[in-house]
Amino acid sequence: MKKLIIINGPNLNLLGTREPDVYGSLTLVDFLETIKAKYSKIKIDHFQSNIEGELISKIQEVGFSYDGIILNAAAYTHTSVGIGDAVRAITTPVVEVHISNTFAREDFRHHSFIAPNAKGVIVGFGLQSYELAIQSFLNE
């Protein structure tokens, strides 16, 4: 059984209430239940933190034992050299995801410290971005 983990960064715990026109109205808990039910033959874990160091620690913890990491570091994508370094340091492949199209937003969101070390990047497909990332691991 494949073992994947979704790691979400700051403010993603507010899905369903935060800017629903951008992020949708589905809560994080509801979304995770839906994904786990749809992909019941895969073990899908989840971790969310608003704290950069906790995200780095989780990446290091799972980065040698999981089949894949789906990482939405949110705003830390554009600011955290440390998260980029953590992704580079592990052996588990990482797919960077974003719910919104970061290239249609402010200029500072056009740069990622994660992307150079990721297997791939998926942006702008709403919550479906996570599902596309899952499918990328299934097609290996």
C-alpha atoms as a PDB file:
ATOM      1  CA  MET A   1       0.000   0.000   0.000  1.00  0.00           C
ATOM      2  CA  LYS A   2       1.363   3.400  -0.958  1.00  0.00           C
ATOM      3  CA  LYS A   3       1.833   5.812   1.907  1.00  0.00           C
ATOM      4  CA  LEU A   4       1.412   9.523   1.160  1.00  0.00           C
ATOM      5  CA  ILE A   5       1.205  12.560   3.389  1.00  0.00           C
ATOM      6  CA  ILE A   6      -0.349  15.934   2.724  1.00  0.00           C
ATOM      7  CA  ILE A   7       1.528  18.689   4.534  1.00  0.00           C
ATOM      8  CA  ASN A   8      -0.224  22.042   4.676  1.00  0.00           C
ATOM      9  CA  GLY A   9       1.253  25.319   5.816  1.00  0.00           C
ATOM     10  CA  PRO A  10      -0.097  28.522   7.305  1.00  0.00           C
ATOM     11  CA  ASN A  11      -3.744  29.494   7.135  1.00  0.00           C
ATOM     12  CA  LEU A  12      -4.839  26.338   5.317  1.00  0.00           C
ATOM     13  CA  ASN A  13      -6.597  25.270   8.507  1.00  0.00           C
ATOM     14  CA  LEU A  14      -9.058  28.062   7.617  1.00  0.00           C
ATOM     15  CA  LEU A  15     -10.254  26.413   4.401  1.00  0.00           C
ATOM     16  CA  GLY A  16     -13.984  26.784   4.063  1.00  0.00           C
ATOM     17  CA  THR A  17     -14.035  30.144   5.828  1.00  0.00           C
ATOM     18  CA  ARG A  18     -10.987  31.953   4.426  1.00  0.00           C
ATOM     19  CA  GLU A  19     -11.673  33.755   1.144  1.00  0.00           C
ATOM     20  CA  PRO A  20     -14.120  31.156  -0.215  1.00  0.00           C
ATOM     21  CA  ASP A  21     -14.040  32.858  -3.626  1.00  0.00           C
ATOM     22  CA  VAL A  22     -10.354  31.880  -3.879  1.00  0.00           C
ATOM     23  CA  TYR A  23     -10.131  28.721  -1.736  1.00  0.00           C
ATOM     24  CA  GLY A  24     -13.668  27.296  -1.918  1.00  0.00           C
ATOM     25  CA  SER A  25     -16.188  26.519   0.787  1.00  0.00           C
ATOM     26  CA  LEU A  26     -15.087  22.981   1.682  1.00  0.00           C
ATOM     27  CA  THR A  27     -13.380  22.713   5.070  1.00  0.00           C
ATOM     28  CA  LEU A  28     -10.013  21.007   5.404  1.00  0.00           C
ATOM     29  CA  VAL A  29     -11.544  18.192   7.472  1.00  0.00           C
ATOM     30  CA  ASP A  30     -14.300  17.569   4.902  1.00  0.00           C
ATOM     31  CA  PHE A  31     -11.822  17.662   2.037  1.00  0.00           C
ATOM     32  CA  LEU A  32      -9.489  15.161   3.725  1.00  0.00           C
ATOM     33  CA  GLU A  33     -12.372  12.779   4.459  1.00  0.00           C
ATOM     34  CA  THR A  34     -13.440  12.943   0.803  1.00  0.00           C
ATOM     35  CA  ILE A  35      -9.921  12.288  -0.495  1.00  0.00           C
ATOM     36  CA  LYS A  36      -9.303   9.412   1.934  1.00  0.00           C
ATOM     37  CA  ALA A  37     -12.601   7.773   0.931  1.00  0.00           C
ATOM     38  CA  LYS A  38     -11.905   8.191  -2.782  1.00  0.00           C
ATOM     39  CA  TYR A  39      -8.381   6.775  -2.499  1.00  0.00           C
ATOM     40  CA  SER A  40      -9.083   4.124   0.121  1.00  0.00           C
ATOM     41  CA  LYS A  41      -6.345   1.818  -1.205  1.00  0.00           C
ATOM     42  CA  ILE A  42      -3.710   4.409  -0.304  1.00  0.00           C
ATOM     43  CA  LYS A  43      -2.712   5.444   3.198  1.00  0.00           C
ATOM     44  CA  ILE A  44      -3.050   9.227   3.256  1.00  0.00           C
ATOM     45  CA  ASP A  45      -1.865  11.058   6.343  1.00  0.00           C
ATOM     46  CA  HIS A  46      -2.127  14.777   6.972  1.00  0.00           C
ATOM     47  CA  PHE A  47      -0.247  17.426   8.887  1.00  0.00           C
ATOM     48  CA  GLN A  48      -0.963  21.153   9.084  1.00  0.00           C
ATOM     49  CA  SER A  49       0.923  23.863  10.910  1.00  0.00           C
ATOM     50  CA  ASN A  50       1.149  27.625  10.873  1.00  0.00           C
ATOM     51  CA  ILE A  51       4.729  27.339  12.174  1.00  0.00           C
ATOM     52  CA  GLU A  52       7.641  27.066   9.731  1.00  0.00           C
ATOM     53  CA  GLY A  53       9.871  24.961  12.002  1.00  0.00           C
ATOM     54  CA  GLU A  54       7.112  22.413  12.597  1.00  0.00           C
ATOM     55  CA  LEU A  55       6.709  22.000   8.840  1.00  0.00           C
ATOM     56  CA  ILE A  56      10.463  21.427   8.452  1.00  0.00           C
ATOM     57  CA  SER A  57      10.461  18.891  11.302  1.00  0.00           C
ATOM     58  CA  LYS A  58       7.560  16.967   9.734  1.00  0.00           C
ATOM     59  CA  ILE A  59       9.256  16.924   6.311  1.00  0.00           C
ATOM     60  CA  GLN A  60      12.404  15.514   7.945  1.00  0.00           C
ATOM     61  CA  GLU A  61      10.381  12.987   9.975  1.00  0.00           C
ATOM     62  CA  VAL A  62       8.539  11.488   6.969  1.00  0.00           C
ATOM     63  CA  GLY A  63      11.056  12.252   4.241  1.00  0.00           C
ATOM     64  CA  PHE A  64      12.729   8.862   4.224  1.00  0.00           C
ATOM     65  CA  SER A  65       9.816   6.515   4.919  1.00  0.00           C
ATOM     66  CA  TYR A  66       6.828   7.709   2.834  1.00  0.00           C
ATOM     67  CA  ASP A  67       6.211   7.105  -0.866  1.00  0.00           C
ATOM     68  CA  GLY A  68       5.335  10.739  -1.457  1.00  0.00           C
ATOM     69  CA  ILE A  69       4.741  14.123   0.107  1.00  0.00           C
ATOM     70  CA  ILE A  70       2.150  16.569  -1.165  1.00  0.00           C
ATOM     71  CA  LEU A  71       3.303  19.915   0.150  1.00  0.00           C
ATOM     72  CA  ASN A  72       1.356  23.147   0.203  1.00  0.00           C
ATOM     73  CA  ALA A  73       3.667  25.376   2.194  1.00  0.00           C
ATOM     74  CA  ALA A  74       1.367  28.313   1.419  1.00  0.00           C
ATOM     75  CA  ALA A  75       3.094  31.667   1.979  1.00  0.00           C
ATOM     76  CA  TYR A  76       6.256  29.901   3.209  1.00  0.00           C
ATOM     77  CA  THR A  77       6.740  28.665  -0.365  1.00  0.00           C
ATOM     78  CA  HIS A  78       7.913  32.143  -1.308  1.00  0.00           C
ATOM     79  CA  THR A  79       9.928  32.968   1.818  1.00  0.00           C
ATOM     80  CA  SER A  80      11.383  29.829   3.396  1.00  0.00           C
ATOM     81  CA  VAL A  81      14.856  28.795   2.360  1.00  0.00           C
ATOM     82  CA  GLY A  82      14.636  26.309   5.256  1.00  0.00           C
ATOM     83  CA  ILE A  83      11.649  24.438   3.819  1.00  0.00           C
ATOM     84  CA  GLY A  84      13.338  24.347   0.416  1.00  0.00           C
ATOM     85  CA  ASP A  85      16.477  22.945   2.044  1.00  0.00           C
ATOM     86  CA  ALA A  86      14.430  20.314   3.923  1.00  0.00           C
ATOM     87  CA  VAL A  87      12.842  19.131   0.673  1.00  0.00           C
ATOM     88  CA  ARG A  88      16.301  18.909  -0.941  1.00  0.00           C
ATOM     89  CA  ALA A  89      17.660  16.915   2.033  1.00  0.00           C
ATOM     90  CA  ILE A  90      15.131  14.056   1.941  1.00  0.00           C
ATOM     91  CA  THR A  91      14.686  11.087  -0.398  1.00  0.00           C
ATOM     92  CA  THR A  92      10.881  10.990  -0.543  1.00  0.00           C
ATOM     93  CA  PRO A  93       9.600  12.758  -3.663  1.00  0.00           C
ATOM     94  CA  VAL A  94       7.627  15.961  -3.072  1.00  0.00           C
ATOM     95  CA  VAL A  95       4.913  17.516  -5.208  1.00  0.00           C
ATOM     96  CA  GLU A  96       4.360  21.201  -4.452  1.00  0.00           C
ATOM     97  CA  VAL A  97       0.703  22.204  -4.700  1.00  0.00           C
ATOM     98  CA  HIS A  98      -1.235  25.433  -4.495  1.00  0.00           C
ATOM     99  CA  ILE A  99      -4.988  25.881  -4.524  1.00  0.00           C
ATOM    100  CA  SER A 100      -4.857  29.267  -6.243  1.00  0.00           C
ATOM    101  CA  ASN A 101      -2.884  30.173  -9.345  1.00  0.00           C
ATOM    102  CA  THR A 102       0.073  31.814  -7.646  1.00  0.00           C
ATOM    103  CA  PHE A 103       1.170  33.308 -10.972  1.00  0.00           C
ATOM    104  CA  ALA A 104      -2.074  35.291 -11.179  1.00  0.00           C
ATOM    105  CA  ARG A 105      -1.376  36.841  -7.787  1.00  0.00           C
ATOM    106  CA  GLU A 106       1.242  39.239  -6.403  1.00  0.00           C
ATOM    107  CA  ASP A 107       4.704  39.138  -7.970  1.00  0.00           C
ATOM    108  CA  PHE A 108       6.389  37.795  -4.822  1.00  0.00           C
ATOM    109  CA  ARG A 109       4.231  34.645  -5.138  1.00  0.00           C
ATOM    110  CA  HIS A 110       5.821  33.828  -8.501  1.00  0.00           C
ATOM    111  CA  HIS A 111       8.974  32.469  -6.814  1.00  0.00           C
ATOM    112  CA  SER A 112       9.208  29.159  -4.960  1.00  0.00           C
ATOM    113  CA  PHE A 113      12.057  27.927  -2.779  1.00  0.00           C
ATOM    114  CA  ILE A 114      10.497  24.438  -2.982  1.00  0.00           C
ATOM    115  CA  ALA A 115      10.027  23.980  -6.745  1.00  0.00           C
ATOM    116  CA  PRO A 116      13.714  23.443  -7.653  1.00  0.00           C
ATOM    117  CA  ASN A 117      13.765  20.421  -5.330  1.00  0.00           C
ATOM    118  CA  ALA A 118      10.281  19.050  -6.064  1.00  0.00           C
ATOM    119  CA  LYS A 119       9.182  16.269  -8.370  1.00  0.00           C
ATOM    120  CA  GLY A 120       6.640  18.706  -9.799  1.00  0.00           C
ATOM    121  CA  VAL A 121       4.420  21.700  -9.113  1.00  0.00           C
ATOM    122  CA  ILE A 122       0.636  21.929  -9.470  1.00  0.00           C
ATOM    123  CA  VAL A 123      -1.040  25.334  -9.163  1.00  0.00           C
ATOM    124  CA  GLY A 124      -4.441  26.846  -9.694  1.00  0.00           C
ATOM    125  CA  PHE A 125      -6.814  23.891  -9.792  1.00  0.00           C
ATOM    126  CA  GLY A 126      -8.429  24.509  -6.426  1.00  0.00           C
ATOM    127  CA  LEU A 127      -8.580  21.530  -4.108  1.00  0.00           C
ATOM    128  CA  GLN A 128      -8.262  19.323  -7.188  1.00  0.00           C
ATOM    129  CA  SER A 129      -4.554  20.276  -7.119  1.00  0.00           C
ATOM    130  CA  TYR A 130      -4.136  17.763  -4.274  1.00  0.00           C
ATOM    131  CA  GLU A 131      -5.896  15.040  -6.224  1.00  0.00           C
ATOM    132  CA  LEU A 132      -3.696  15.666  -9.254  1.00  0.00           C
ATOM    133  CA  ALA A 133      -0.673  15.284  -6.991  1.00  0.00           C
ATOM    134  CA  ILE A 134      -2.014  11.987  -5.623  1.00  0.00           C
ATOM    135  CA  GLN A 135      -2.526  10.757  -9.166  1.00  0.00           C
ATOM    136  CA  SER A 136       1.071  11.658 -10.030  1.00  0.00           C
ATOM    137  CA  PHE A 137       2.255   9.224  -7.355  1.00  0.00           C
ATOM    138  CA  LEU A 138      -0.104   6.500  -8.554  1.00  0.00           C
ATOM    139  CA  ASN A 139       1.232   6.764 -12.115  1.00  0.00           C
ATOM    140  CA  GLU A 140       4.842   6.075 -11.128  1.00  0.00           C
END
